[in-house]
N, C-alpha and C. Protein backbone atom coordinates (compact mmCIF):
# COMPACT_ATOMS: atom_id res chain seq x y z
N MET A 1 196.15 -190.17 92.81
CA MET A 1 194.85 -189.53 92.73
C MET A 1 193.80 -190.58 92.27
N PHE A 2 192.79 -190.72 93.03
CA PHE A 2 191.60 -191.64 92.73
C PHE A 2 190.71 -190.95 91.61
N LEU A 3 190.27 -191.82 91.03
CA LEU A 3 189.29 -191.52 90.00
C LEU A 3 188.09 -190.75 90.53
N GLU A 4 187.40 -190.04 89.65
CA GLU A 4 186.07 -189.30 90.30
C GLU A 4 184.83 -189.81 89.62
N VAL A 5 183.82 -189.88 90.73
CA VAL A 5 182.56 -190.33 90.39
C VAL A 5 182.12 -189.45 88.99
N GLY A 6 181.50 -190.46 88.16
CA GLY A 6 181.21 -189.81 86.84
C GLY A 6 182.25 -190.01 85.67
N ALA A 7 183.57 -190.48 86.20
CA ALA A 7 184.63 -190.80 85.00
C ALA A 7 184.07 -191.96 84.42
N LYS A 8 184.64 -192.00 82.91
CA LYS A 8 184.66 -193.42 82.23
C LYS A 8 185.73 -194.27 83.19
N ALA A 9 185.37 -195.56 83.47
CA ALA A 9 186.26 -196.19 84.09
C ALA A 9 187.37 -196.76 83.14
N PRO A 10 188.65 -196.71 83.43
CA PRO A 10 189.56 -197.08 82.42
C PRO A 10 189.55 -198.58 82.08
N GLU A 11 189.50 -198.73 80.76
CA GLU A 11 189.27 -200.09 80.33
C GLU A 11 190.55 -200.84 80.43
N PHE A 12 190.56 -202.17 80.64
CA PHE A 12 191.74 -203.07 80.98
C PHE A 12 191.61 -204.44 80.64
N THR A 13 192.49 -205.27 80.20
CA THR A 13 192.51 -206.70 80.14
C THR A 13 193.60 -207.14 80.78
N LEU A 14 193.18 -208.08 81.92
CA LEU A 14 194.38 -208.69 82.73
C LEU A 14 194.08 -210.21 82.88
N SER A 15 195.18 -210.90 83.32
CA SER A 15 194.83 -212.42 83.46
C SER A 15 194.17 -212.72 84.71
N ASP A 16 193.37 -213.69 84.83
CA ASP A 16 192.64 -214.40 85.96
C ASP A 16 193.76 -215.11 86.50
N LYS A 17 193.37 -216.05 87.81
CA LYS A 17 194.11 -216.90 88.39
C LYS A 17 194.47 -218.16 87.38
N ASP A 18 193.69 -218.49 86.44
CA ASP A 18 193.89 -219.56 85.43
C ASP A 18 194.43 -219.01 84.03
N GLY A 19 194.89 -217.89 84.02
CA GLY A 19 195.59 -217.32 82.95
C GLY A 19 194.75 -217.13 81.75
N ASN A 20 193.02 -216.88 82.34
CA ASN A 20 192.28 -216.30 81.19
C ASN A 20 192.27 -214.69 80.98
N GLN A 21 192.03 -214.12 79.89
CA GLN A 21 192.08 -212.83 79.53
C GLN A 21 190.75 -212.16 80.13
N VAL A 22 190.61 -211.32 81.03
CA VAL A 22 189.49 -210.71 81.60
C VAL A 22 189.66 -209.15 81.05
N SER A 23 188.49 -208.55 80.42
CA SER A 23 188.42 -207.19 80.28
C SER A 23 187.22 -206.83 81.16
N LEU A 24 187.47 -205.45 81.48
CA LEU A 24 186.44 -204.63 81.92
C LEU A 24 185.08 -204.59 81.05
N SER A 25 185.39 -204.41 79.89
CA SER A 25 184.21 -204.42 78.99
C SER A 25 183.28 -205.69 78.86
N ASP A 26 183.94 -206.75 79.29
CA ASP A 26 183.17 -207.96 79.47
C ASP A 26 181.93 -207.92 80.22
N PHE A 27 181.78 -206.85 81.15
CA PHE A 27 180.61 -206.74 82.50
C PHE A 27 179.91 -205.62 81.95
N LEU A 28 179.78 -205.16 80.66
CA LEU A 28 178.97 -204.13 80.43
C LEU A 28 177.64 -204.67 80.67
N GLY A 29 176.66 -203.95 81.34
CA GLY A 29 175.20 -204.45 81.43
C GLY A 29 175.22 -204.80 82.91
N LYS A 30 176.33 -204.86 83.71
CA LYS A 30 175.96 -205.26 85.11
C LYS A 30 177.07 -204.46 85.81
N LYS A 31 176.67 -204.15 87.12
CA LYS A 31 177.62 -203.32 87.93
C LYS A 31 178.98 -204.07 88.39
N VAL A 32 180.18 -203.56 88.44
CA VAL A 32 181.28 -204.27 88.66
C VAL A 32 181.82 -203.54 90.06
N VAL A 33 181.86 -204.52 91.02
CA VAL A 33 182.60 -204.17 92.24
C VAL A 33 184.18 -204.35 92.06
N LEU A 34 184.98 -203.47 91.79
CA LEU A 34 186.46 -203.60 91.45
C LEU A 34 187.22 -203.07 92.74
N TYR A 35 187.64 -204.16 93.42
CA TYR A 35 188.60 -203.93 94.62
C TYR A 35 189.87 -204.05 94.46
N PHE A 36 190.54 -203.16 94.98
CA PHE A 36 192.18 -203.27 94.78
C PHE A 36 192.58 -203.59 96.32
N TYR A 37 193.68 -204.55 96.43
CA TYR A 37 194.05 -204.84 97.80
C TYR A 37 195.60 -204.99 97.75
N PRO A 38 196.40 -204.95 98.65
CA PRO A 38 197.83 -205.06 98.62
C PRO A 38 198.39 -206.51 98.16
N ARG A 39 197.96 -207.55 98.93
CA ARG A 39 198.65 -208.53 98.73
C ARG A 39 197.77 -210.05 99.13
N ASP A 40 198.06 -211.21 98.37
CA ASP A 40 197.49 -212.30 98.60
C ASP A 40 198.06 -212.95 100.02
N ASN A 41 196.95 -213.54 100.83
CA ASN A 41 197.28 -214.23 101.97
C ASN A 41 197.83 -213.49 103.05
N THR A 42 197.69 -212.17 103.14
CA THR A 42 198.08 -211.35 104.24
C THR A 42 196.83 -211.37 105.11
N PRO A 43 196.67 -211.10 106.39
CA PRO A 43 195.77 -211.04 107.27
C PRO A 43 194.42 -210.25 106.79
N GLY A 44 194.60 -209.03 106.64
CA GLY A 44 193.54 -208.02 106.24
C GLY A 44 192.95 -208.57 104.81
N CYS A 45 194.00 -208.80 103.81
CA CYS A 45 193.49 -209.08 102.65
C CYS A 45 192.68 -210.49 102.70
N THR A 46 192.95 -211.29 103.44
CA THR A 46 192.36 -212.70 103.40
C THR A 46 190.99 -212.48 104.20
N ARG A 47 190.97 -211.62 105.29
CA ARG A 47 189.46 -211.21 105.60
C ARG A 47 188.61 -210.64 104.56
N GLN A 48 189.17 -209.64 104.11
CA GLN A 48 188.43 -208.83 102.91
C GLN A 48 188.08 -209.80 101.93
N ALA A 49 188.78 -210.67 101.49
CA ALA A 49 188.36 -211.67 100.29
C ALA A 49 187.12 -212.60 100.98
N CYS A 50 187.55 -212.97 102.04
CA CYS A 50 186.47 -213.91 102.62
C CYS A 50 185.02 -213.08 102.68
N ALA A 51 185.23 -211.95 103.42
CA ALA A 51 183.87 -211.47 103.37
C ALA A 51 183.05 -211.21 102.04
N PHE A 52 183.84 -210.95 100.94
CA PHE A 52 183.14 -210.90 99.50
C PHE A 52 182.91 -212.27 99.29
N ALA A 53 183.62 -213.39 99.53
CA ALA A 53 183.18 -214.54 99.07
C ALA A 53 181.90 -214.93 99.88
N ALA A 54 181.75 -214.80 101.17
CA ALA A 54 180.49 -214.96 102.00
C ALA A 54 179.27 -214.26 101.40
N ALA A 55 179.59 -213.18 100.93
CA ALA A 55 178.30 -212.35 100.41
C ALA A 55 178.18 -212.52 98.85
N PHE A 56 179.01 -213.50 98.23
CA PHE A 56 179.02 -213.53 96.69
C PHE A 56 177.57 -213.66 96.06
N GLU A 57 176.90 -214.49 96.68
CA GLU A 57 175.35 -214.86 96.19
C GLU A 57 174.52 -213.64 96.29
N GLU A 58 174.91 -212.99 97.19
CA GLU A 58 174.05 -211.76 97.31
C GLU A 58 174.61 -210.58 96.06
N PHE A 59 175.77 -210.40 96.04
CA PHE A 59 176.22 -209.74 94.85
C PHE A 59 175.70 -210.03 93.60
N LYS A 60 175.75 -211.59 93.48
CA LYS A 60 175.15 -211.92 92.09
C LYS A 60 173.59 -211.37 92.07
N ASN A 61 172.75 -211.77 92.95
CA ASN A 61 171.26 -211.18 93.08
C ASN A 61 171.25 -209.77 92.73
N LEU A 62 172.20 -208.84 93.02
CA LEU A 62 172.23 -207.52 92.69
C LEU A 62 172.63 -207.08 91.49
N ASN A 63 173.03 -208.20 90.40
CA ASN A 63 173.54 -208.11 89.11
C ASN A 63 174.98 -207.27 89.16
N ALA A 64 175.64 -207.64 90.27
CA ALA A 64 177.10 -207.20 90.56
C ALA A 64 178.02 -208.23 90.37
N ALA A 65 179.20 -207.82 89.70
CA ALA A 65 180.51 -208.90 89.57
C ALA A 65 181.35 -208.24 90.51
N VAL A 66 181.99 -209.20 91.29
CA VAL A 66 183.14 -208.66 92.32
C VAL A 66 184.47 -209.33 91.49
N ILE A 67 185.54 -207.95 91.35
CA ILE A 67 186.78 -208.37 90.74
C ILE A 67 187.92 -207.76 91.73
N GLY A 68 188.71 -208.83 92.37
CA GLY A 68 189.82 -208.20 93.11
C GLY A 68 191.01 -208.04 92.45
N VAL A 69 191.85 -207.17 92.41
CA VAL A 69 193.05 -206.89 91.59
C VAL A 69 194.25 -206.52 92.71
N SER A 70 195.12 -207.32 92.61
CA SER A 70 196.59 -207.02 93.27
C SER A 70 197.57 -207.27 92.04
N LYS A 71 198.77 -206.87 92.92
CA LYS A 71 199.92 -206.93 91.88
C LYS A 71 200.68 -208.35 91.85
N ASP A 72 199.92 -209.28 92.83
CA ASP A 72 200.38 -210.70 92.70
C ASP A 72 200.25 -211.43 91.51
N SER A 73 200.98 -212.48 91.10
CA SER A 73 200.87 -213.36 89.99
C SER A 73 199.62 -214.16 89.88
N ALA A 74 199.13 -214.59 88.93
CA ALA A 74 197.92 -215.52 88.83
C ALA A 74 198.27 -216.68 89.35
N ALA A 75 199.56 -217.28 89.57
CA ALA A 75 199.78 -218.47 90.20
C ALA A 75 199.60 -218.27 91.97
N SER A 76 200.01 -217.03 92.42
CA SER A 76 199.55 -216.46 93.66
C SER A 76 198.28 -216.59 93.84
N HIS A 77 197.57 -215.74 92.85
CA HIS A 77 196.03 -215.74 92.84
C HIS A 77 195.14 -217.12 93.01
N GLN A 78 195.88 -218.17 92.21
CA GLN A 78 195.20 -219.50 92.45
C GLN A 78 195.16 -220.15 93.71
N LYS A 79 196.24 -219.92 94.09
CA LYS A 79 196.62 -220.66 95.49
C LYS A 79 195.57 -219.78 96.56
N PHE A 80 195.69 -218.58 96.49
CA PHE A 80 194.69 -217.66 97.64
C PHE A 80 193.15 -218.04 97.45
N ALA A 81 193.03 -218.24 95.96
CA ALA A 81 191.44 -218.55 95.89
C ALA A 81 191.31 -220.12 96.22
N GLU A 82 192.23 -220.99 95.89
CA GLU A 82 191.77 -222.40 96.34
C GLU A 82 191.79 -222.50 97.90
N LYS A 83 192.66 -221.96 98.55
CA LYS A 83 192.87 -221.99 100.01
C LYS A 83 191.65 -221.45 100.87
N HIS A 84 190.92 -220.41 100.27
CA HIS A 84 189.80 -219.54 100.91
C HIS A 84 188.67 -219.90 100.10
N GLY A 85 188.56 -220.61 99.11
CA GLY A 85 187.27 -221.06 98.47
C GLY A 85 186.79 -219.79 97.71
N LEU A 86 187.43 -218.80 97.19
CA LEU A 86 186.94 -217.51 96.57
C LEU A 86 186.26 -217.76 95.37
N PRO A 87 185.17 -217.47 95.07
CA PRO A 87 184.17 -217.86 94.05
C PRO A 87 184.40 -216.62 93.05
N PHE A 88 184.87 -215.40 93.27
CA PHE A 88 184.86 -214.49 92.08
C PHE A 88 186.33 -214.17 91.56
N LEU A 89 186.51 -213.29 90.63
CA LEU A 89 187.61 -213.25 89.92
C LEU A 89 188.67 -212.57 90.88
N LEU A 90 189.93 -213.02 90.63
CA LEU A 90 191.12 -212.13 90.96
C LEU A 90 191.87 -212.03 89.79
N LEU A 91 192.27 -210.81 89.77
CA LEU A 91 193.19 -210.54 88.38
C LEU A 91 194.52 -210.11 88.75
N ALA A 92 195.57 -210.50 88.11
CA ALA A 92 197.00 -210.23 88.51
C ALA A 92 197.35 -208.87 87.59
N ASP A 93 197.92 -207.91 88.31
CA ASP A 93 198.41 -206.63 87.80
C ASP A 93 199.73 -206.44 88.22
N PRO A 94 200.85 -207.42 87.87
CA PRO A 94 202.28 -207.15 88.07
C PRO A 94 202.81 -205.98 87.80
N GLU A 95 202.46 -205.59 86.26
CA GLU A 95 202.90 -204.44 85.80
C GLU A 95 202.33 -203.13 86.43
N LEU A 96 201.30 -203.20 87.22
CA LEU A 96 200.84 -202.03 87.96
C LEU A 96 200.03 -201.14 86.94
N SER A 97 199.62 -201.67 85.65
CA SER A 97 199.14 -200.76 84.77
C SER A 97 197.76 -200.39 85.13
N VAL A 98 196.81 -201.29 85.77
CA VAL A 98 195.49 -201.00 86.14
C VAL A 98 195.59 -200.52 87.52
N ILE A 99 196.34 -200.80 88.49
CA ILE A 99 196.55 -200.26 89.76
C ILE A 99 196.74 -198.65 89.51
N GLN A 100 197.75 -198.34 88.48
CA GLN A 100 198.19 -196.93 88.37
C GLN A 100 197.11 -196.28 87.84
N ALA A 101 196.25 -196.80 86.79
CA ALA A 101 195.37 -196.30 85.93
C ALA A 101 194.15 -195.81 86.94
N TYR A 102 193.79 -196.66 87.91
CA TYR A 102 192.94 -196.25 89.04
C TYR A 102 193.25 -195.41 90.16
N GLY A 103 194.56 -195.12 90.20
CA GLY A 103 195.11 -194.13 90.99
C GLY A 103 195.17 -194.71 92.51
N VAL A 104 195.38 -195.99 92.68
CA VAL A 104 195.45 -196.72 94.11
C VAL A 104 196.97 -196.97 94.48
N TRP A 105 197.85 -196.80 93.53
CA TRP A 105 199.33 -196.92 93.78
C TRP A 105 199.77 -195.75 94.41
N GLN A 106 200.01 -195.51 95.69
CA GLN A 106 200.17 -194.36 96.23
C GLN A 106 201.32 -194.43 97.39
N GLU A 107 201.94 -193.20 98.07
CA GLU A 107 202.85 -193.26 98.82
C GLU A 107 202.21 -193.80 100.20
N LYS A 108 202.69 -194.63 100.89
CA LYS A 108 202.08 -195.33 102.19
C LYS A 108 203.27 -195.44 103.29
N LYS A 109 202.72 -195.20 104.47
CA LYS A 109 203.72 -195.21 105.70
C LYS A 109 203.49 -196.50 106.27
N MET A 110 204.50 -197.35 106.54
CA MET A 110 204.32 -198.51 107.34
C MET A 110 205.55 -198.63 108.27
N TYR A 111 205.22 -198.94 109.36
CA TYR A 111 206.33 -199.23 110.35
C TYR A 111 207.33 -198.01 110.38
N GLY A 112 206.83 -196.87 110.17
CA GLY A 112 207.87 -195.62 110.31
C GLY A 112 208.48 -195.42 108.81
N LYS A 113 208.51 -196.45 108.07
CA LYS A 113 208.99 -196.10 106.54
C LYS A 113 208.01 -195.91 105.59
N THR A 114 208.43 -195.02 104.60
CA THR A 114 207.61 -194.55 103.73
C THR A 114 208.01 -195.39 102.17
N GLY A 115 206.87 -195.74 101.62
CA GLY A 115 207.02 -196.50 100.29
C GLY A 115 205.88 -196.53 99.43
N MET A 116 206.09 -196.91 98.30
CA MET A 116 204.94 -196.89 97.47
C MET A 116 204.22 -198.35 97.59
N GLY A 117 203.01 -198.30 97.38
CA GLY A 117 202.19 -199.52 97.56
C GLY A 117 200.73 -199.40 97.22
N VAL A 118 199.83 -200.31 97.20
CA VAL A 118 198.48 -200.28 96.87
C VAL A 118 197.66 -199.90 98.18
N VAL A 119 196.91 -198.84 97.92
CA VAL A 119 195.93 -198.37 98.91
C VAL A 119 194.70 -199.20 98.60
N ARG A 120 194.33 -199.91 99.70
CA ARG A 120 193.18 -200.62 99.94
C ARG A 120 191.81 -199.90 99.40
N SER A 121 191.26 -200.03 98.28
CA SER A 121 190.03 -199.22 97.67
C SER A 121 189.25 -199.98 96.82
N THR A 122 188.10 -199.37 96.84
CA THR A 122 186.99 -200.00 96.06
C THR A 122 186.21 -199.12 95.00
N TYR A 123 185.97 -199.62 93.79
CA TYR A 123 185.27 -198.69 93.12
C TYR A 123 184.07 -199.58 92.58
N VAL A 124 182.83 -198.89 92.55
CA VAL A 124 181.68 -199.43 91.87
C VAL A 124 181.40 -198.85 90.55
N ILE A 125 181.53 -199.68 89.44
CA ILE A 125 181.45 -199.26 88.15
C ILE A 125 180.07 -199.59 87.55
N ASP A 126 179.28 -198.75 87.16
CA ASP A 126 177.84 -199.01 86.76
C ASP A 126 178.00 -199.76 85.34
N GLU A 127 176.52 -199.94 84.97
CA GLU A 127 176.33 -200.97 83.75
C GLU A 127 176.89 -200.34 82.53
N ALA A 128 177.08 -198.97 82.44
CA ALA A 128 177.59 -198.31 81.31
C ALA A 128 179.21 -198.27 81.16
N GLY A 129 179.87 -198.52 82.46
CA GLY A 129 181.29 -198.51 82.34
C GLY A 129 181.75 -197.19 83.02
N MET A 130 180.89 -196.57 83.61
CA MET A 130 181.22 -195.31 84.53
C MET A 130 181.35 -195.48 85.92
N VAL A 131 182.25 -194.81 86.47
CA VAL A 131 182.63 -194.75 88.00
C VAL A 131 181.24 -194.35 88.80
N GLU A 132 180.76 -195.08 89.49
CA GLU A 132 179.55 -194.66 90.11
C GLU A 132 179.87 -194.29 91.59
N LYS A 133 180.81 -195.05 92.13
CA LYS A 133 181.15 -194.87 93.62
C LYS A 133 182.65 -194.85 93.76
N VAL A 134 183.42 -194.18 94.67
CA VAL A 134 184.62 -194.31 94.87
C VAL A 134 184.78 -194.54 96.36
N MET A 135 185.50 -195.65 96.69
CA MET A 135 185.67 -195.89 98.29
C MET A 135 187.15 -196.00 98.65
N PRO A 136 187.88 -194.95 98.69
CA PRO A 136 189.31 -194.95 99.14
C PRO A 136 189.58 -195.45 100.64
N LYS A 137 190.87 -196.05 100.79
CA LYS A 137 191.07 -196.42 102.03
C LYS A 137 190.12 -197.18 102.90
N VAL A 138 189.61 -198.34 102.26
CA VAL A 138 188.40 -198.91 102.72
C VAL A 138 189.04 -199.88 103.86
N LYS A 139 188.31 -200.43 104.89
CA LYS A 139 188.79 -201.33 106.00
C LYS A 139 188.49 -202.75 105.63
N PRO A 140 189.30 -203.81 105.56
CA PRO A 140 188.93 -205.17 105.09
C PRO A 140 187.84 -205.57 105.67
N ASP A 141 187.63 -205.50 107.03
CA ASP A 141 186.49 -206.13 107.78
C ASP A 141 185.07 -205.60 107.21
N THR A 142 184.98 -204.51 106.79
CA THR A 142 183.67 -203.59 106.65
C THR A 142 183.32 -203.42 105.05
N ASN A 143 184.25 -203.69 104.20
CA ASN A 143 184.19 -203.05 102.88
C ASN A 143 183.10 -203.92 102.36
N ALA A 144 182.82 -205.22 102.13
CA ALA A 144 181.89 -206.00 101.46
C ALA A 144 180.56 -205.60 101.92
N GLU A 145 180.37 -205.61 103.22
CA GLU A 145 179.15 -205.11 103.73
C GLU A 145 178.70 -203.75 103.43
N GLU A 146 179.67 -202.71 103.50
CA GLU A 146 179.33 -201.49 102.95
C GLU A 146 178.85 -201.17 101.47
N ILE A 147 179.58 -202.05 100.59
CA ILE A 147 179.09 -202.00 99.31
C ILE A 147 177.82 -202.70 99.09
N LEU A 148 177.54 -203.86 99.77
CA LEU A 148 176.24 -204.49 99.56
C LEU A 148 174.93 -203.48 100.14
N THR A 149 175.40 -202.77 101.24
CA THR A 149 174.43 -201.75 101.68
C THR A 149 174.06 -200.70 100.61
N TYR A 150 175.19 -200.42 100.15
CA TYR A 150 175.24 -199.11 98.92
C TYR A 150 174.36 -199.77 97.74
N LEU A 151 174.74 -201.02 97.37
CA LEU A 151 174.00 -201.71 96.40
C LEU A 151 172.52 -201.82 96.39
N ARG A 152 172.14 -202.37 97.80
CA ARG A 152 170.73 -202.50 98.16
C ARG A 152 170.00 -201.18 97.89
N GLY A 153 170.68 -200.02 98.55
CA GLY A 153 169.78 -198.79 98.32
C GLY A 153 169.74 -198.32 96.74
N LYS A 154 170.23 -198.90 96.02
CA LYS A 154 170.25 -198.54 94.54
C LYS A 154 169.16 -199.19 93.83
N GLN A 155 168.64 -200.37 94.64
CA GLN A 155 167.52 -201.05 93.98
C GLN A 155 166.19 -200.50 93.93
């Protein structure tokens, strides 16, 4: 189950690609674009990350931090970020604690098989740490632009 708009965003602390601890509360006072994706270096996830990277300056200008979360390790995130020049935070959640707290660990069907996995989803969290927008099952090629359009409308 995805979180509801208006809910308090679950607090978390995870490691970034360099092993630094990053908490959601570090970003109070700015919007947070928290996006969950299945896996580093897969085609869709790479296109999605590169779209966020291309729009990174505009997100900064809109006072929004971009944070990507997957169950990959910090080492995997480091390679992914270096390979594609990703300027935003990638957080490692191998224990699935944040992925489950945000309701994005769900049953998925792929190639006729059913299994559990990360549903590509994005949350916008407001300056006070509340869920402002929920975007379940987003498309990798349009996600960053859809969020920018949304944030521009809030200005």
